[in-house]
């Protein structure tokens, strides 16, 4: 599974990072982005709109152990900006 955030819809509340800090992080622009944590994938990959594109072009893999947290973050997001896609 992969996750991405539509920064045009992000309200900057940060609930996603509170729920799943290994997947979501805030930037200086007040918006949130996704990452692939080194703890799960061997190296930190931050999709922050600078080195990698934001939005759907900056998708991050979700480790098995965090799928439920990613779904909860998407459900709780006030901006409804978190999108989860199934590989395949």
C-alpha atoms as a PDB file:
ATOM      1  CA  UNK A   1       0.000   0.000   0.000  1.00  0.00           C
ATOM      2  CA  UNK A   2       1.062   3.569  -0.620  1.00  0.00           C
ATOM      3  CA  UNK A   3      -0.038   6.892   0.847  1.00  0.00           C
ATOM      4  CA  UNK A   4       0.107  10.488  -0.315  1.00  0.00           C
ATOM      5  CA  UNK A   5      -1.205  13.880   0.765  1.00  0.00           C
ATOM      6  CA  UNK A   6      -2.888  16.474  -1.435  1.00  0.00           C
ATOM      7  CA  UNK A   7      -1.243  19.598  -0.023  1.00  0.00           C
ATOM      8  CA  UNK A   8      -3.916  21.776  -1.671  1.00  0.00           C
ATOM      9  CA  UNK A   9      -6.425  20.261   0.784  1.00  0.00           C
ATOM     10  CA  UNK A  10      -4.130  20.028   3.837  1.00  0.00           C
ATOM     11  CA  UNK A  11      -5.299  22.203   6.744  1.00  0.00           C
ATOM     12  CA  UNK A  12      -2.052  21.805   8.704  1.00  0.00           C
ATOM     13  CA  UNK A  13      -3.713  20.367  11.825  1.00  0.00           C
ATOM     14  CA  UNK A  14      -1.042  17.681  12.230  1.00  0.00           C
ATOM     15  CA  UNK A  15      -3.330  14.890  13.386  1.00  0.00           C
ATOM     16  CA  UNK A  16      -1.693  12.607  10.837  1.00  0.00           C
ATOM     17  CA  UNK A  17       1.736  13.115  12.385  1.00  0.00           C
ATOM     18  CA  UNK A  18       0.321  12.546  15.884  1.00  0.00           C
ATOM     19  CA  UNK A  19      -1.236   9.252  14.760  1.00  0.00           C
ATOM     20  CA  UNK A  20       1.601   7.977  12.539  1.00  0.00           C
ATOM     21  CA  UNK A  21       4.863   9.943  12.902  1.00  0.00           C
ATOM     22  CA  UNK A  22       6.770   7.265  10.960  1.00  0.00           C
ATOM     23  CA  UNK A  23       4.678   8.149   7.889  1.00  0.00           C
ATOM     24  CA  UNK A  24       3.748  11.847   8.150  1.00  0.00           C
ATOM     25  CA  UNK A  25       5.762  14.980   8.956  1.00  0.00           C
ATOM     26  CA  UNK A  26       5.214  18.742   8.910  1.00  0.00           C
ATOM     27  CA  UNK A  27       7.233  21.249   6.946  1.00  0.00           C
ATOM     28  CA  UNK A  28       7.983  24.936   7.472  1.00  0.00           C
ATOM     29  CA  UNK A  29       5.155  25.770   5.053  1.00  0.00           C
ATOM     30  CA  UNK A  30       2.658  24.493   7.678  1.00  0.00           C
ATOM     31  CA  UNK A  31       1.614  21.551   5.531  1.00  0.00           C
ATOM     32  CA  UNK A  32       2.171  17.841   5.973  1.00  0.00           C
ATOM     33  CA  UNK A  33       3.949  15.359   3.734  1.00  0.00           C
ATOM     34  CA  UNK A  34       4.711  11.628   3.674  1.00  0.00           C
ATOM     35  CA  UNK A  35       7.974   9.763   4.199  1.00  0.00           C
ATOM     36  CA  UNK A  36       9.368   6.257   4.156  1.00  0.00           C
ATOM     37  CA  UNK A  37      11.013   5.835   7.545  1.00  0.00           C
ATOM     38  CA  UNK A  38      14.485   4.332   7.819  1.00  0.00           C
ATOM     39  CA  UNK A  39      13.202   2.092  10.626  1.00  0.00           C
ATOM     40  CA  UNK A  40      11.002   0.301   8.083  1.00  0.00           C
ATOM     41  CA  UNK A  41      12.779   0.643   4.755  1.00  0.00           C
ATOM     42  CA  UNK A  42      16.495   0.963   5.534  1.00  0.00           C
ATOM     43  CA  UNK A  43      16.869   4.645   4.709  1.00  0.00           C
ATOM     44  CA  UNK A  44      14.828   7.765   5.279  1.00  0.00           C
ATOM     45  CA  UNK A  45      13.056   9.007   2.170  1.00  0.00           C
ATOM     46  CA  UNK A  46      11.216  12.270   2.621  1.00  0.00           C
ATOM     47  CA  UNK A  47       8.771  13.305  -0.053  1.00  0.00           C
ATOM     48  CA  UNK A  48       8.690  16.967   0.843  1.00  0.00           C
ATOM     49  CA  UNK A  49       7.878  18.799  -2.362  1.00  0.00           C
ATOM     50  CA  UNK A  50      11.495  19.903  -2.760  1.00  0.00           C
ATOM     51  CA  UNK A  51      13.609  16.827  -3.469  1.00  0.00           C
ATOM     52  CA  UNK A  52      10.566  14.825  -4.530  1.00  0.00           C
ATOM     53  CA  UNK A  53       7.172  15.977  -5.769  1.00  0.00           C
ATOM     54  CA  UNK A  54       4.294  16.625  -3.406  1.00  0.00           C
ATOM     55  CA  UNK A  55       0.864  15.142  -3.963  1.00  0.00           C
ATOM     56  CA  UNK A  56       0.314  11.863  -5.794  1.00  0.00           C
ATOM     57  CA  UNK A  57       3.782  12.012  -7.363  1.00  0.00           C
ATOM     58  CA  UNK A  58       5.314  11.805  -3.866  1.00  0.00           C
ATOM     59  CA  UNK A  59       3.759   8.560  -2.719  1.00  0.00           C
ATOM     60  CA  UNK A  60       5.354   6.639   0.153  1.00  0.00           C
ATOM     61  CA  UNK A  61       5.097   2.940   0.922  1.00  0.00           C
ATOM     62  CA  UNK A  62       3.268   1.980   4.103  1.00  0.00           C
ATOM     63  CA  UNK A  63       4.880  -0.765   6.179  1.00  0.00           C
ATOM     64  CA  UNK A  64       2.534  -3.621   7.145  1.00  0.00           C
ATOM     65  CA  UNK A  65       2.784  -2.663  10.805  1.00  0.00           C
ATOM     66  CA  UNK A  66       1.455   0.863  10.130  1.00  0.00           C
ATOM     67  CA  UNK A  67      -1.408   0.202   7.721  1.00  0.00           C
ATOM     68  CA  UNK A  68      -4.053   0.607  10.449  1.00  0.00           C
ATOM     69  CA  UNK A  69      -2.434   3.849  11.664  1.00  0.00           C
ATOM     70  CA  UNK A  70      -2.341   5.234   8.104  1.00  0.00           C
ATOM     71  CA  UNK A  71      -6.031   4.411   7.635  1.00  0.00           C
ATOM     72  CA  UNK A  72      -6.882   6.029  10.975  1.00  0.00           C
ATOM     73  CA  UNK A  73      -4.935   9.159   9.997  1.00  0.00           C
ATOM     74  CA  UNK A  74      -6.844   9.353   6.704  1.00  0.00           C
ATOM     75  CA  UNK A  75     -10.184   8.920   8.479  1.00  0.00           C
ATOM     76  CA  UNK A  76      -9.383  11.551  11.147  1.00  0.00           C
ATOM     77  CA  UNK A  77      -7.920  14.138   8.768  1.00  0.00           C
ATOM     78  CA  UNK A  78     -10.102  17.296   8.847  1.00  0.00           C
ATOM     79  CA  UNK A  79      -8.935  18.274   5.348  1.00  0.00           C
ATOM     80  CA  UNK A  80      -9.664  14.826   3.907  1.00  0.00           C
ATOM     81  CA  UNK A  81      -6.359  15.131   2.069  1.00  0.00           C
ATOM     82  CA  UNK A  82      -4.748  11.738   2.803  1.00  0.00           C
ATOM     83  CA  UNK A  83      -5.089   9.151   0.082  1.00  0.00           C
ATOM     84  CA  UNK A  84      -4.206   5.467   0.382  1.00  0.00           C
ATOM     85  CA  UNK A  85      -3.723   3.299  -2.692  1.00  0.00           C
ATOM     86  CA  UNK A  86      -3.390  -0.457  -2.937  1.00  0.00           C
ATOM     87  CA  UNK A  87      -0.448  -1.686  -5.006  1.00  0.00           C
ATOM     88  CA  UNK A  88      -1.222  -3.859  -7.952  1.00  0.00           C
END
